[in-house]
Amino acid sequence: MARKKEIYTTAEVAKRFRVSEATVRRLVGSKKLRPIKGFNHPYRFSCREIDRFLNGRRAA
C-alpha cells in the first residue's frame, strides 16, 4: 500500500493545486492556508492542512 507523504513544500503544493508558488504564498498571507510553524521560505505544509484547505467548509 502506498504511503502518503507527510510534509509538502511550497512548490509541491503549487503543483498539486495547479497554481503558481506566488499564489500559495498569497494564500498563506491571507491566512487561508497555514504552514507548519518554524519553517519560513519555502513554507512546509502538512498533509492534514492540505486536506483541510481542499475539503474545508463548503456552501450548502
Protein backbone atom coordinates (compact mmCIF):
# COMPACT_ATOMS: atom_id res chain seq x y z
CA MET A 1 0.00 0.00 0.00
CA ALA A 2 1.36 3.40 -0.98
CA ARG A 3 2.08 5.73 1.91
CA LYS A 4 1.01 9.37 1.86
CA LYS A 5 3.73 11.94 2.03
CA GLU A 6 3.66 13.83 5.34
CA ILE A 7 5.23 17.22 4.52
CA TYR A 8 4.97 19.24 1.31
CA THR A 9 6.99 22.26 0.18
CA THR A 10 5.56 25.40 -1.39
CA ALA A 11 6.49 24.16 -4.87
CA GLU A 12 4.83 20.78 -4.33
CA VAL A 13 1.63 22.40 -3.06
CA ALA A 14 1.59 24.78 -6.03
CA LYS A 15 1.95 21.86 -8.42
CA ARG A 16 -0.80 19.92 -6.67
CA PHE A 17 -3.20 22.90 -6.73
CA ARG A 18 -2.13 23.80 -10.30
CA VAL A 19 -1.27 27.38 -9.33
CA SER A 20 1.94 29.39 -9.04
CA GLU A 21 4.10 29.47 -5.93
CA ALA A 22 3.19 33.15 -5.58
CA THR A 23 -0.47 32.14 -5.27
CA VAL A 24 0.38 29.69 -2.49
CA ARG A 25 2.30 32.43 -0.66
CA ARG A 26 -0.68 34.74 -1.14
CA LEU A 27 -2.97 32.11 0.43
CA VAL A 28 -0.59 31.94 3.40
CA GLY A 29 -0.60 35.73 3.69
CA SER A 30 -4.39 35.84 3.70
CA LYS A 31 -4.40 33.08 6.36
CA LYS A 32 -6.39 30.67 4.19
CA LEU A 33 -3.55 28.16 4.16
CA ARG A 34 -1.38 27.62 7.24
CA PRO A 35 2.21 26.38 7.02
CA ILE A 36 3.92 24.33 9.73
CA LYS A 37 5.28 26.65 12.41
CA GLY A 38 9.05 27.10 12.47
CA PHE A 39 9.51 26.92 8.72
CA ASN A 40 9.91 30.10 6.72
CA HIS A 41 10.54 30.29 2.99
CA PRO A 42 9.94 27.84 1.41
CA TYR A 43 6.94 27.04 3.58
CA ARG A 44 6.22 23.45 4.58
CA PHE A 45 2.66 22.15 4.77
CA SER A 46 1.29 19.05 6.46
CA CYS A 47 -0.91 16.58 4.65
CA ARG A 48 -3.67 17.34 7.16
CA GLU A 49 -3.52 21.08 6.40
CA ILE A 50 -3.77 20.47 2.65
CA ASP A 51 -6.79 18.22 3.19
CA ARG A 52 -8.35 20.87 5.48
CA PHE A 53 -7.87 23.52 2.81
CA LEU A 54 -9.26 21.39 -0.02
CA ASN A 55 -12.16 19.84 1.90
CA GLY A 56 -12.92 22.65 4.34
CA ARG A 57 -16.17 24.49 4.61
CA ARG A 58 -18.35 24.31 1.57
CA ALA A 59 -21.51 26.13 0.66
CA ALA A 60 -24.74 24.23 1.29
